[in-house]
C-alpha cells in the first residue's frame, strides 16, 4: 500500500516493483489461457512485457512529452470528428444546401499492433506494466488488445491516464502521416530504380 501511495502522491521511501524480479516459472507462463469458441478466438503474448516495460521506464521523460502531444491531437481530432458528424447529420436532414466530401477523405486504415503498442509503451512510461498482448479474431474481424492493470490506471493522475488512453489514436495518426509522406515521396524514392530500367 505504501508503494501505491508513493505513486499517487509522489511521497514515500521506496517504490514498489510491479514486475517479477526473476524469470517467470513454468506455472506462471501457463497462466495465460488462449480462448477458442465458434465466434471468437485469441492468442495472448507475454514475451514482450519486460522489454516494453524497461523501454518505457528508460525513456519515460521523452515518452511523456510525446504522449502529451498525443492528448492534444486526440482532443483536437475529437472536436473535428464531432463537427463532421454534426455536418453529416445536417446533410441527412437537409439542413445544409451543399454536401461535403470531407468525411470520405478521413478514412483510416491502421494496423492494430501500432495502436496497441502505443497504449503499452505509454503505460510503461507511467510505471504500469503490461499483463499481456492479445491478438484476436471475433467472427471474421481481426484485432488486438493490451491488458493493463485497471487498479494501477485508476491511481494515475487524470492527465497521465489520458496519455495512456490517447496513445493508441496518437500512434495511428503518426502511422497515417508517415504512410502519406512515403506515398507522396514514392516517385522520388523509386526514380533511381525506374531510371535503371
N, C-alpha and C. Protein backbone atom coordinates (compact mmCIF):
# COMPACT_ATOMS: atom_id res chain seq x y z
N UNK A 1 0.82 -1.20 0.00
CA UNK A 1 0.00 0.00 0.00
C UNK A 1 0.86 1.25 0.00
N UNK A 2 2.01 1.22 0.72
CA UNK A 2 2.87 2.40 0.75
C UNK A 2 3.39 2.73 -0.63
N UNK A 3 3.73 1.70 -1.41
CA UNK A 3 4.22 1.93 -2.77
C UNK A 3 3.16 2.58 -3.64
N UNK A 4 1.90 2.18 -3.43
CA UNK A 4 0.82 2.77 -4.22
C UNK A 4 0.59 4.21 -3.82
N UNK A 5 0.66 4.52 -2.52
CA UNK A 5 0.53 5.91 -2.08
C UNK A 5 1.66 6.75 -2.64
N UNK A 6 2.87 6.19 -2.67
CA UNK A 6 4.01 6.92 -3.21
C UNK A 6 3.77 7.26 -4.67
N UNK A 7 3.21 6.31 -5.43
CA UNK A 7 2.94 6.56 -6.86
C UNK A 7 1.91 7.66 -7.04
N UNK A 8 0.90 7.69 -6.19
CA UNK A 8 -0.18 8.65 -6.38
C UNK A 8 0.23 10.04 -5.92
N UNK A 9 0.87 10.14 -4.76
CA UNK A 9 1.14 11.45 -4.18
C UNK A 9 2.59 11.89 -4.31
N UNK A 10 3.47 11.02 -4.83
CA UNK A 10 4.86 11.40 -5.01
C UNK A 10 5.65 11.41 -3.72
N UNK A 11 5.18 10.73 -2.67
CA UNK A 11 5.90 10.68 -1.40
C UNK A 11 6.27 9.25 -1.08
N UNK A 12 7.14 9.10 -0.10
CA UNK A 12 7.48 7.77 0.37
C UNK A 12 8.95 7.47 0.22
N UNK A 13 9.36 6.36 0.80
CA UNK A 13 10.77 5.99 0.80
C UNK A 13 11.16 5.21 -0.43
N UNK A 14 10.35 4.24 -0.83
CA UNK A 14 10.72 3.36 -1.94
C UNK A 14 9.51 3.08 -2.79
N UNK A 15 9.78 2.75 -4.02
CA UNK A 15 8.71 2.43 -4.96
C UNK A 15 8.58 0.92 -5.07
N UNK A 16 7.34 0.43 -5.02
CA UNK A 16 7.09 -0.99 -5.13
C UNK A 16 7.24 -1.42 -6.58
N UNK A 17 7.90 -2.53 -6.81
CA UNK A 17 8.05 -3.05 -8.17
C UNK A 17 6.86 -3.93 -8.49
N UNK A 18 6.22 -3.66 -9.61
CA UNK A 18 5.07 -4.46 -10.01
C UNK A 18 5.44 -5.56 -10.99
N UNK A 19 6.69 -5.59 -11.43
CA UNK A 19 7.16 -6.66 -12.32
C UNK A 19 7.87 -7.72 -11.50
N UNK A 20 7.79 -8.99 -11.92
CA UNK A 20 8.56 -10.01 -11.21
C UNK A 20 10.05 -9.75 -11.38
N UNK A 21 10.81 -9.98 -10.31
CA UNK A 21 12.24 -9.72 -10.34
C UNK A 21 13.03 -10.92 -10.82
N UNK A 22 12.38 -12.03 -11.05
CA UNK A 22 13.07 -13.20 -11.58
C UNK A 22 12.28 -13.72 -12.77
N UNK A 23 12.89 -14.63 -13.50
CA UNK A 23 12.22 -15.18 -14.69
C UNK A 23 10.95 -15.89 -14.28
N UNK A 24 9.90 -15.80 -15.08
CA UNK A 24 8.65 -16.45 -14.72
C UNK A 24 8.79 -17.97 -14.66
N UNK A 25 8.12 -18.55 -13.70
CA UNK A 25 8.17 -20.00 -13.56
C UNK A 25 7.27 -20.63 -14.61
N UNK A 26 7.37 -21.94 -14.69
CA UNK A 26 6.59 -22.65 -15.70
C UNK A 26 5.09 -22.49 -15.45
N UNK A 27 4.68 -22.49 -14.18
CA UNK A 27 3.26 -22.37 -13.87
C UNK A 27 2.74 -20.98 -14.20
N UNK A 28 3.56 -19.91 -14.00
CA UNK A 28 3.09 -18.56 -14.32
C UNK A 28 3.04 -18.33 -15.83
N UNK A 29 3.88 -19.03 -16.58
CA UNK A 29 3.84 -18.90 -18.03
C UNK A 29 2.56 -19.49 -18.59
N UNK A 30 2.07 -20.55 -17.95
CA UNK A 30 0.86 -21.21 -18.46
C UNK A 30 -0.40 -20.58 -17.90
N UNK A 31 -0.30 -19.50 -17.08
CA UNK A 31 -1.50 -18.88 -16.53
C UNK A 31 -2.27 -18.10 -17.58
N UNK A 32 -1.64 -17.73 -18.68
CA UNK A 32 -2.35 -17.07 -19.76
C UNK A 32 -3.06 -18.14 -20.59
N UNK A 33 -4.37 -18.07 -20.62
CA UNK A 33 -5.12 -19.07 -21.37
C UNK A 33 -5.63 -18.45 -22.65
N UNK A 34 -5.45 -19.14 -23.74
CA UNK A 34 -5.95 -18.70 -25.03
C UNK A 34 -7.39 -19.18 -25.16
N UNK A 35 -8.22 -18.33 -25.76
CA UNK A 35 -9.65 -18.60 -25.85
C UNK A 35 -10.02 -19.00 -27.27
N UNK A 36 -10.80 -20.07 -27.39
CA UNK A 36 -11.30 -20.50 -28.69
C UNK A 36 -12.77 -20.87 -28.53
N UNK A 37 -13.61 -20.27 -29.38
CA UNK A 37 -15.02 -20.64 -29.43
C UNK A 37 -15.47 -20.53 -30.88
N UNK A 38 -16.75 -20.74 -31.12
CA UNK A 38 -17.21 -20.73 -32.51
C UNK A 38 -17.18 -19.32 -33.11
N UNK A 39 -17.27 -18.27 -32.30
CA UNK A 39 -17.29 -16.90 -32.83
C UNK A 39 -16.07 -16.07 -32.44
N UNK A 40 -15.22 -16.60 -31.58
CA UNK A 40 -14.12 -15.79 -31.07
C UNK A 40 -12.94 -16.69 -30.73
N UNK A 41 -11.74 -16.22 -31.08
CA UNK A 41 -10.52 -16.89 -30.62
C UNK A 41 -9.44 -15.83 -30.42
N UNK A 42 -8.56 -16.07 -29.45
CA UNK A 42 -7.46 -15.13 -29.23
C UNK A 42 -6.19 -15.87 -28.86
N UNK A 43 -5.08 -15.17 -28.99
CA UNK A 43 -3.77 -15.69 -28.63
C UNK A 43 -3.08 -14.62 -27.80
N UNK A 44 -2.77 -14.95 -26.55
CA UNK A 44 -2.18 -13.98 -25.63
C UNK A 44 -0.66 -14.13 -25.61
N UNK A 45 0.05 -13.00 -25.64
CA UNK A 45 1.51 -12.98 -25.68
C UNK A 45 2.01 -12.20 -24.47
N UNK A 46 2.91 -12.80 -23.72
CA UNK A 46 3.51 -12.09 -22.58
C UNK A 46 5.02 -11.95 -22.73
N UNK A 47 5.58 -12.42 -23.83
CA UNK A 47 7.04 -12.42 -24.01
C UNK A 47 7.62 -11.01 -24.12
N UNK A 48 6.81 -10.04 -24.56
CA UNK A 48 7.32 -8.68 -24.76
C UNK A 48 7.13 -7.78 -23.55
N UNK A 49 6.46 -8.27 -22.50
CA UNK A 49 6.12 -7.42 -21.36
C UNK A 49 7.33 -6.73 -20.74
N UNK A 50 8.36 -7.50 -20.42
CA UNK A 50 9.52 -6.95 -19.71
C UNK A 50 10.27 -5.95 -20.58
N UNK A 51 10.49 -6.27 -21.85
CA UNK A 51 11.25 -5.35 -22.70
C UNK A 51 10.47 -4.06 -22.95
N UNK A 52 9.14 -4.14 -23.14
CA UNK A 52 8.34 -2.94 -23.31
C UNK A 52 8.34 -2.09 -22.05
N UNK A 53 8.25 -2.75 -20.89
CA UNK A 53 8.24 -2.01 -19.63
C UNK A 53 9.58 -1.31 -19.41
N UNK A 54 10.69 -2.00 -19.64
CA UNK A 54 12.00 -1.38 -19.43
C UNK A 54 12.23 -0.23 -20.41
N UNK A 55 11.79 -0.38 -21.66
CA UNK A 55 11.91 0.71 -22.63
C UNK A 55 11.10 1.92 -22.18
N UNK A 56 9.86 1.67 -21.75
CA UNK A 56 9.01 2.76 -21.29
C UNK A 56 9.55 3.48 -20.08
N UNK A 57 10.13 2.74 -19.14
CA UNK A 57 10.69 3.38 -17.94
C UNK A 57 11.98 4.12 -18.26
N UNK A 58 12.79 3.56 -19.17
CA UNK A 58 14.07 4.19 -19.51
C UNK A 58 13.86 5.51 -20.26
N UNK A 59 12.87 5.56 -21.12
CA UNK A 59 12.59 6.75 -21.93
C UNK A 59 11.35 7.50 -21.42
N UNK A 60 11.08 7.43 -20.11
CA UNK A 60 9.83 7.96 -19.56
C UNK A 60 9.64 9.45 -19.84
N UNK A 61 10.69 10.26 -19.68
CA UNK A 61 10.53 11.71 -19.86
C UNK A 61 10.16 12.05 -21.30
N UNK A 62 10.89 11.48 -22.25
CA UNK A 62 10.58 11.75 -23.66
C UNK A 62 9.20 11.21 -24.04
N UNK A 63 8.86 10.02 -23.54
CA UNK A 63 7.58 9.42 -23.89
C UNK A 63 6.42 10.21 -23.31
N UNK A 64 6.60 10.79 -22.11
CA UNK A 64 5.52 11.60 -21.53
C UNK A 64 5.28 12.85 -22.36
N UNK A 65 6.34 13.46 -22.88
CA UNK A 65 6.18 14.62 -23.78
C UNK A 65 5.48 14.17 -25.06
N UNK A 66 5.95 13.04 -25.62
CA UNK A 66 5.38 12.51 -26.86
C UNK A 66 3.89 12.23 -26.72
N UNK A 67 3.51 11.57 -25.62
CA UNK A 67 2.11 11.23 -25.44
C UNK A 67 1.27 12.41 -24.98
N UNK A 68 1.88 13.44 -24.39
CA UNK A 68 1.15 14.67 -24.10
C UNK A 68 0.74 15.37 -25.39
N UNK A 69 1.63 15.35 -26.38
CA UNK A 69 1.27 15.87 -27.71
C UNK A 69 0.12 15.05 -28.27
N UNK A 70 0.16 13.74 -28.03
CA UNK A 70 -0.92 12.86 -28.48
C UNK A 70 -2.26 13.20 -27.85
N UNK A 71 -2.26 13.62 -26.58
CA UNK A 71 -3.51 14.03 -25.93
C UNK A 71 -4.08 15.25 -26.64
N UNK A 72 -3.21 16.22 -26.94
CA UNK A 72 -3.67 17.41 -27.66
C UNK A 72 -4.23 17.05 -29.02
N UNK A 73 -3.54 16.17 -29.73
CA UNK A 73 -4.04 15.73 -31.04
C UNK A 73 -5.39 15.03 -30.90
N UNK A 74 -5.51 14.14 -29.93
CA UNK A 74 -6.74 13.36 -29.76
C UNK A 74 -7.93 14.25 -29.44
N UNK A 75 -7.72 15.25 -28.58
CA UNK A 75 -8.82 16.16 -28.26
C UNK A 75 -9.21 17.01 -29.47
N UNK A 76 -8.20 17.43 -30.24
CA UNK A 76 -8.49 18.18 -31.47
C UNK A 76 -9.23 17.31 -32.48
N UNK A 77 -8.78 16.05 -32.62
CA UNK A 77 -9.45 15.12 -33.54
C UNK A 77 -10.89 14.85 -33.08
N UNK A 78 -11.09 14.75 -31.76
CA UNK A 78 -12.44 14.53 -31.24
C UNK A 78 -13.36 15.69 -31.62
N UNK A 79 -12.85 16.91 -31.48
CA UNK A 79 -13.64 18.08 -31.87
C UNK A 79 -13.92 18.06 -33.37
N UNK A 80 -12.89 17.75 -34.18
CA UNK A 80 -13.08 17.70 -35.63
C UNK A 80 -14.07 16.65 -36.07
N UNK A 81 -13.98 15.46 -35.48
CA UNK A 81 -14.91 14.38 -35.84
C UNK A 81 -16.33 14.73 -35.42
N UNK A 82 -16.47 15.39 -34.26
CA UNK A 82 -17.79 15.82 -33.81
C UNK A 82 -18.41 16.81 -34.79
N UNK A 83 -17.60 17.77 -35.27
CA UNK A 83 -18.10 18.73 -36.25
C UNK A 83 -18.49 18.05 -37.55
N UNK A 84 -17.70 17.07 -37.99
CA UNK A 84 -18.03 16.33 -39.22
C UNK A 84 -19.34 15.56 -39.05
N UNK A 85 -19.52 14.91 -37.89
CA UNK A 85 -20.75 14.17 -37.65
C UNK A 85 -21.96 15.09 -37.61
N UNK A 86 -21.81 16.27 -36.98
CA UNK A 86 -22.92 17.24 -36.96
C UNK A 86 -23.23 17.70 -38.38
N UNK A 87 -22.18 17.97 -39.17
CA UNK A 87 -22.37 18.41 -40.55
C UNK A 87 -23.08 17.34 -41.38
N UNK A 88 -22.64 16.08 -41.24
CA UNK A 88 -23.26 14.98 -41.99
C UNK A 88 -24.70 14.75 -41.54
N UNK A 89 -24.94 14.89 -40.23
CA UNK A 89 -26.31 14.75 -39.72
C UNK A 89 -27.20 15.85 -40.30
N UNK A 90 -26.64 17.06 -40.39
CA UNK A 90 -27.37 18.15 -41.02
C UNK A 90 -27.66 17.88 -42.49
N UNK A 91 -26.70 17.26 -43.19
CA UNK A 91 -26.93 16.90 -44.60
C UNK A 91 -28.04 15.87 -44.74
N UNK A 92 -28.06 14.91 -43.81
CA UNK A 92 -29.11 13.88 -43.86
C UNK A 92 -30.49 14.52 -43.66
N UNK A 93 -30.57 15.52 -42.77
CA UNK A 93 -31.84 16.20 -42.51
C UNK A 93 -32.09 17.35 -43.49
N UNK A 94 -31.18 17.51 -44.47
CA UNK A 94 -31.28 18.56 -45.49
C UNK A 94 -31.30 19.96 -44.87
N UNK A 95 -30.52 20.15 -43.80
CA UNK A 95 -30.41 21.47 -43.18
C UNK A 95 -29.42 22.35 -43.92
N UNK A 96 -28.44 21.71 -44.59
CA UNK A 96 -27.43 22.46 -45.33
C UNK A 96 -27.68 22.25 -46.82
N UNK A 97 -27.32 23.24 -47.62
CA UNK A 97 -27.59 23.17 -49.06
C UNK A 97 -26.54 22.40 -49.83
N UNK A 98 -25.31 22.34 -49.30
CA UNK A 98 -24.24 21.66 -50.02
C UNK A 98 -23.82 20.42 -49.23
N UNK A 99 -23.50 19.37 -49.95
CA UNK A 99 -22.97 18.17 -49.29
C UNK A 99 -21.46 18.29 -49.20
N UNK A 100 -20.90 17.60 -48.25
CA UNK A 100 -19.45 17.68 -48.03
C UNK A 100 -18.82 16.32 -48.25
N UNK A 101 -17.71 16.31 -48.94
CA UNK A 101 -16.96 15.08 -49.14
C UNK A 101 -15.84 14.94 -48.13
N UNK A 102 -15.86 15.79 -47.09
CA UNK A 102 -14.76 15.80 -46.13
C UNK A 102 -14.67 14.49 -45.36
N UNK A 103 -15.83 13.91 -45.00
CA UNK A 103 -15.80 12.69 -44.21
C UNK A 103 -15.23 11.53 -45.01
N UNK A 104 -15.44 11.52 -46.32
CA UNK A 104 -14.92 10.42 -47.12
C UNK A 104 -13.40 10.48 -47.25
N UNK A 105 -12.82 11.67 -47.02
CA UNK A 105 -11.36 11.78 -47.09
C UNK A 105 -10.69 11.43 -45.77
N UNK A 106 -11.49 11.12 -44.74
CA UNK A 106 -10.92 10.82 -43.44
C UNK A 106 -11.00 9.34 -43.12
N UNK A 107 -10.84 8.51 -44.14
CA UNK A 107 -10.86 7.06 -43.90
C UNK A 107 -9.49 6.63 -43.45
N UNK A 108 -9.42 5.94 -42.33
CA UNK A 108 -8.14 5.49 -41.77
C UNK A 108 -8.10 3.97 -41.79
N UNK A 109 -6.97 3.45 -42.21
CA UNK A 109 -6.75 2.02 -42.15
C UNK A 109 -5.41 1.77 -41.48
N UNK A 110 -5.42 1.37 -40.24
CA UNK A 110 -4.19 1.24 -39.47
C UNK A 110 -4.03 -0.18 -38.94
N UNK A 111 -2.83 -0.52 -38.69
CA UNK A 111 -2.53 -1.81 -38.09
C UNK A 111 -2.88 -1.76 -36.61
N UNK A 112 -3.62 -2.77 -36.10
CA UNK A 112 -3.94 -2.76 -34.67
C UNK A 112 -2.70 -2.81 -33.79
N UNK A 113 -1.63 -3.39 -34.29
CA UNK A 113 -0.44 -3.52 -33.44
C UNK A 113 0.17 -2.16 -33.13
N UNK A 114 0.18 -1.23 -34.08
CA UNK A 114 0.71 0.12 -33.83
C UNK A 114 -0.12 0.79 -32.74
N UNK A 115 -1.41 0.63 -32.81
CA UNK A 115 -2.32 1.22 -31.83
C UNK A 115 -2.07 0.65 -30.43
N UNK A 116 -2.02 -0.66 -30.34
CA UNK A 116 -1.89 -1.30 -29.03
C UNK A 116 -0.50 -1.11 -28.41
N UNK A 117 0.55 -1.12 -29.25
CA UNK A 117 1.88 -0.85 -28.71
C UNK A 117 1.97 0.57 -28.16
N UNK A 118 1.21 1.49 -28.74
CA UNK A 118 1.16 2.85 -28.20
C UNK A 118 0.64 2.86 -26.78
N UNK A 119 -0.47 2.14 -26.54
CA UNK A 119 -1.00 2.05 -25.17
C UNK A 119 0.01 1.41 -24.22
N UNK A 120 0.65 0.35 -24.69
CA UNK A 120 1.58 -0.40 -23.84
C UNK A 120 2.78 0.46 -23.44
N UNK A 121 3.37 1.17 -24.40
CA UNK A 121 4.55 1.99 -24.10
C UNK A 121 4.16 3.19 -23.25
N UNK A 122 2.99 3.79 -23.51
CA UNK A 122 2.53 4.91 -22.68
C UNK A 122 2.30 4.47 -21.24
N UNK A 123 1.72 3.28 -21.07
CA UNK A 123 1.51 2.76 -19.72
C UNK A 123 2.84 2.50 -19.02
N UNK A 124 3.80 1.95 -19.76
CA UNK A 124 5.12 1.68 -19.17
C UNK A 124 5.81 2.97 -18.75
N UNK A 125 5.64 4.04 -19.53
CA UNK A 125 6.26 5.32 -19.16
C UNK A 125 5.66 5.88 -17.88
N UNK A 126 4.45 5.45 -17.53
CA UNK A 126 3.82 5.87 -16.28
C UNK A 126 4.04 4.86 -15.15
N UNK A 127 4.81 3.80 -15.43
CA UNK A 127 5.13 2.81 -14.41
C UNK A 127 4.14 1.66 -14.31
N UNK A 128 3.32 1.46 -15.33
CA UNK A 128 2.32 0.38 -15.32
C UNK A 128 2.77 -0.70 -16.30
N UNK A 129 3.03 -1.91 -15.81
CA UNK A 129 3.45 -2.98 -16.72
C UNK A 129 2.28 -3.55 -17.52
N UNK A 130 2.60 -4.12 -18.66
CA UNK A 130 1.60 -4.81 -19.49
C UNK A 130 1.40 -6.22 -18.96
N UNK A 131 0.16 -6.63 -18.79
CA UNK A 131 -0.10 -8.00 -18.35
C UNK A 131 0.04 -8.97 -19.51
N UNK A 132 -0.52 -8.62 -20.66
CA UNK A 132 -0.31 -9.41 -21.87
C UNK A 132 -0.83 -8.62 -23.07
N UNK A 133 -0.40 -9.04 -24.25
CA UNK A 133 -0.90 -8.51 -25.51
C UNK A 133 -1.65 -9.66 -26.18
N UNK A 134 -2.84 -9.39 -26.68
CA UNK A 134 -3.63 -10.45 -27.31
C UNK A 134 -3.97 -10.08 -28.74
N UNK A 135 -3.89 -11.05 -29.62
CA UNK A 135 -4.36 -10.92 -30.99
C UNK A 135 -5.61 -11.78 -31.09
N UNK A 136 -6.71 -11.22 -31.60
CA UNK A 136 -7.95 -11.98 -31.60
C UNK A 136 -8.64 -11.92 -32.95
N UNK A 137 -9.56 -12.83 -33.13
CA UNK A 137 -10.42 -12.89 -34.30
C UNK A 137 -11.84 -13.07 -33.79
N UNK A 138 -12.65 -12.01 -33.92
CA UNK A 138 -14.05 -12.06 -33.48
C UNK A 138 -14.92 -12.19 -34.72
N UNK A 139 -15.58 -13.31 -34.86
CA UNK A 139 -16.31 -13.71 -36.06
C UNK A 139 -15.31 -13.67 -37.22
N UNK A 140 -15.35 -12.65 -38.10
CA UNK A 140 -14.37 -12.55 -39.18
C UNK A 140 -13.48 -11.32 -39.03
N UNK A 141 -13.60 -10.61 -37.92
CA UNK A 141 -12.89 -9.34 -37.76
C UNK A 141 -11.67 -9.51 -36.86
N UNK A 142 -10.46 -9.26 -37.39
CA UNK A 142 -9.26 -9.37 -36.57
C UNK A 142 -9.06 -8.13 -35.71
N UNK A 143 -8.30 -8.28 -34.66
CA UNK A 143 -7.99 -7.14 -33.79
C UNK A 143 -6.89 -7.49 -32.81
N UNK A 144 -6.58 -6.55 -31.94
CA UNK A 144 -5.56 -6.76 -30.92
C UNK A 144 -5.96 -5.96 -29.69
N UNK A 145 -5.40 -6.34 -28.55
CA UNK A 145 -5.65 -5.60 -27.32
C UNK A 145 -4.46 -5.73 -26.39
N UNK A 146 -4.33 -4.78 -25.48
CA UNK A 146 -3.30 -4.80 -24.45
C UNK A 146 -4.01 -4.83 -23.11
N UNK A 147 -3.68 -5.79 -22.26
CA UNK A 147 -4.27 -5.89 -20.93
C UNK A 147 -3.37 -5.16 -19.94
N UNK A 148 -3.93 -4.16 -19.27
CA UNK A 148 -3.22 -3.38 -18.26
C UNK A 148 -3.98 -3.50 -16.94
N UNK A 149 -3.29 -3.23 -15.85
CA UNK A 149 -3.92 -3.30 -14.54
C UNK A 149 -4.87 -2.11 -14.37
N UNK A 150 -6.15 -2.38 -14.23
CA UNK A 150 -7.14 -1.32 -14.08
C UNK A 150 -6.91 -0.55 -12.77
N UNK A 151 -6.52 -1.26 -11.71
CA UNK A 151 -6.29 -0.60 -10.42
C UNK A 151 -5.16 0.41 -10.52
N UNK A 152 -4.08 0.04 -11.21
CA UNK A 152 -2.96 0.97 -11.35
C UNK A 152 -3.32 2.16 -12.24
N UNK A 153 -4.13 1.92 -13.28
CA UNK A 153 -4.60 3.02 -14.11
C UNK A 153 -5.45 4.00 -13.31
N UNK A 154 -6.27 3.48 -12.40
CA UNK A 154 -7.10 4.33 -11.57
C UNK A 154 -6.28 5.21 -10.63
N UNK A 155 -5.08 4.75 -10.26
CA UNK A 155 -4.23 5.52 -9.35
C UNK A 155 -3.49 6.67 -10.02
N UNK A 156 -3.44 6.67 -11.34
CA UNK A 156 -2.72 7.73 -12.05
C UNK A 156 -3.45 9.06 -11.93
N UNK A 157 -2.67 10.14 -12.05
CA UNK A 157 -3.27 11.47 -12.16
C UNK A 157 -4.10 11.51 -13.45
N UNK A 158 -5.15 12.32 -13.52
CA UNK A 158 -6.03 12.32 -14.70
C UNK A 158 -5.30 12.55 -16.02
N UNK A 159 -4.36 13.50 -16.07
CA UNK A 159 -3.69 13.77 -17.34
C UNK A 159 -2.76 12.61 -17.73
N UNK A 160 -2.14 11.97 -16.73
CA UNK A 160 -1.29 10.80 -17.01
C UNK A 160 -2.12 9.65 -17.56
N UNK A 161 -3.31 9.44 -16.99
CA UNK A 161 -4.20 8.39 -17.50
C UNK A 161 -4.67 8.73 -18.91
N UNK A 162 -4.91 10.00 -19.17
CA UNK A 162 -5.32 10.43 -20.51
C UNK A 162 -4.23 10.16 -21.53
N UNK A 163 -2.96 10.31 -21.12
CA UNK A 163 -1.85 9.98 -22.03
C UNK A 163 -1.89 8.52 -22.43
N UNK A 164 -2.20 7.65 -21.48
CA UNK A 164 -2.27 6.21 -21.78
C UNK A 164 -3.45 5.91 -22.70
N UNK A 165 -4.61 6.50 -22.41
CA UNK A 165 -5.80 6.23 -23.21
C UNK A 165 -5.69 6.78 -24.63
N UNK A 166 -5.04 7.93 -24.79
CA UNK A 166 -4.94 8.56 -26.12
C UNK A 166 -3.77 8.05 -26.94
N UNK A 167 -2.91 7.23 -26.36
CA UNK A 167 -1.68 6.81 -27.04
C UNK A 167 -1.96 6.01 -28.31
N UNK A 168 -2.99 5.19 -28.30
CA UNK A 168 -3.29 4.38 -29.48
C UNK A 168 -3.71 5.23 -30.67
N UNK A 169 -4.61 6.19 -30.44
CA UNK A 169 -5.07 7.08 -31.51
C UNK A 169 -3.90 7.92 -32.02
N UNK A 170 -3.05 8.37 -31.11
CA UNK A 170 -1.90 9.18 -31.50
C UNK A 170 -0.95 8.39 -32.40
N UNK A 171 -0.69 7.15 -32.04
CA UNK A 171 0.18 6.32 -32.88
C UNK A 171 -0.47 6.01 -34.23
N UNK A 172 -1.79 5.85 -34.24
CA UNK A 172 -2.48 5.67 -35.52
C UNK A 172 -2.27 6.88 -36.43
N UNK A 173 -2.41 8.07 -35.85
CA UNK A 173 -2.27 9.30 -36.64
C UNK A 173 -0.85 9.45 -37.16
N UNK A 174 0.14 9.15 -36.32
CA UNK A 174 1.54 9.25 -36.75
C UNK A 174 1.83 8.23 -37.84
N UNK A 175 1.29 7.00 -37.70
CA UNK A 175 1.46 5.98 -38.73
C UNK A 175 0.84 6.44 -40.05
N UNK A 176 -0.34 7.06 -39.97
CA UNK A 176 -1.00 7.57 -41.18
C UNK A 176 -0.17 8.67 -41.82
N UNK A 177 0.39 9.57 -41.01
CA UNK A 177 1.21 10.66 -41.55
C UNK A 177 2.47 10.12 -42.22
N UNK A 178 3.11 9.12 -41.61
CA UNK A 178 4.30 8.51 -42.21
C UNK A 178 3.96 7.83 -43.53
N UNK A 179 2.83 7.10 -43.56
CA UNK A 179 2.41 6.44 -44.81
C UNK A 179 2.10 7.46 -45.90
N UNK A 180 1.45 8.57 -45.52
CA UNK A 180 1.13 9.61 -46.51
C UNK A 180 2.41 10.25 -47.04
N UNK A 181 3.39 10.46 -46.15
CA UNK A 181 4.67 11.04 -46.57
C UNK A 181 5.41 10.10 -47.52
N UNK A 182 5.41 8.82 -47.20
CA UNK A 182 6.06 7.83 -48.08
C UNK A 182 5.35 7.77 -49.42
N UNK A 183 4.02 7.82 -49.41
CA UNK A 183 3.26 7.81 -50.66
C UNK A 183 3.56 9.05 -51.51
N UNK A 184 3.67 10.20 -50.84
CA UNK A 184 3.98 11.45 -51.54
C UNK A 184 5.39 11.41 -52.13
N UNK A 185 6.33 10.80 -51.39
CA UNK A 185 7.73 10.75 -51.84
C UNK A 185 8.03 9.52 -52.69
N UNK A 186 7.02 8.70 -52.97
CA UNK A 186 7.25 7.46 -53.70
C UNK A 186 7.89 7.67 -55.07
N UNK A 187 7.47 8.66 -55.86
CA UNK A 187 8.16 8.87 -57.14
C UNK A 187 9.65 9.20 -56.97
N UNK A 188 9.96 9.98 -55.94
CA UNK A 188 11.36 10.31 -55.66
C UNK A 188 12.13 9.08 -55.19
N UNK A 189 11.48 8.25 -54.38
CA UNK A 189 12.14 7.04 -53.87
C UNK A 189 12.39 6.04 -54.99
N UNK A 190 11.42 5.91 -55.89
CA UNK A 190 11.52 4.91 -56.96
C UNK A 190 12.25 5.41 -58.20
N UNK A 191 12.54 6.71 -58.29
CA UNK A 191 13.18 7.24 -59.51
C UNK A 191 14.53 6.60 -59.82
N UNK A 192 15.41 6.33 -58.84
CA UNK A 192 16.66 5.64 -59.21
C UNK A 192 16.43 4.25 -59.81
N UNK A 193 15.42 3.55 -59.31
CA UNK A 193 15.13 2.21 -59.83
C UNK A 193 14.53 2.29 -61.23
N UNK A 194 13.63 3.27 -61.45
CA UNK A 194 12.98 3.41 -62.75
C UNK A 194 13.96 3.89 -63.83
N UNK A 195 14.95 4.69 -63.45
CA UNK A 195 15.94 5.17 -64.41
C UNK A 195 16.88 4.06 -64.87
N UNK A 196 17.12 3.06 -64.03
CA UNK A 196 17.99 1.95 -64.41
C UNK A 196 17.30 1.03 -65.40
N UNK A 197 15.98 1.02 -65.45
CA UNK A 197 15.27 0.16 -66.39
C UNK A 197 15.18 0.85 -67.72
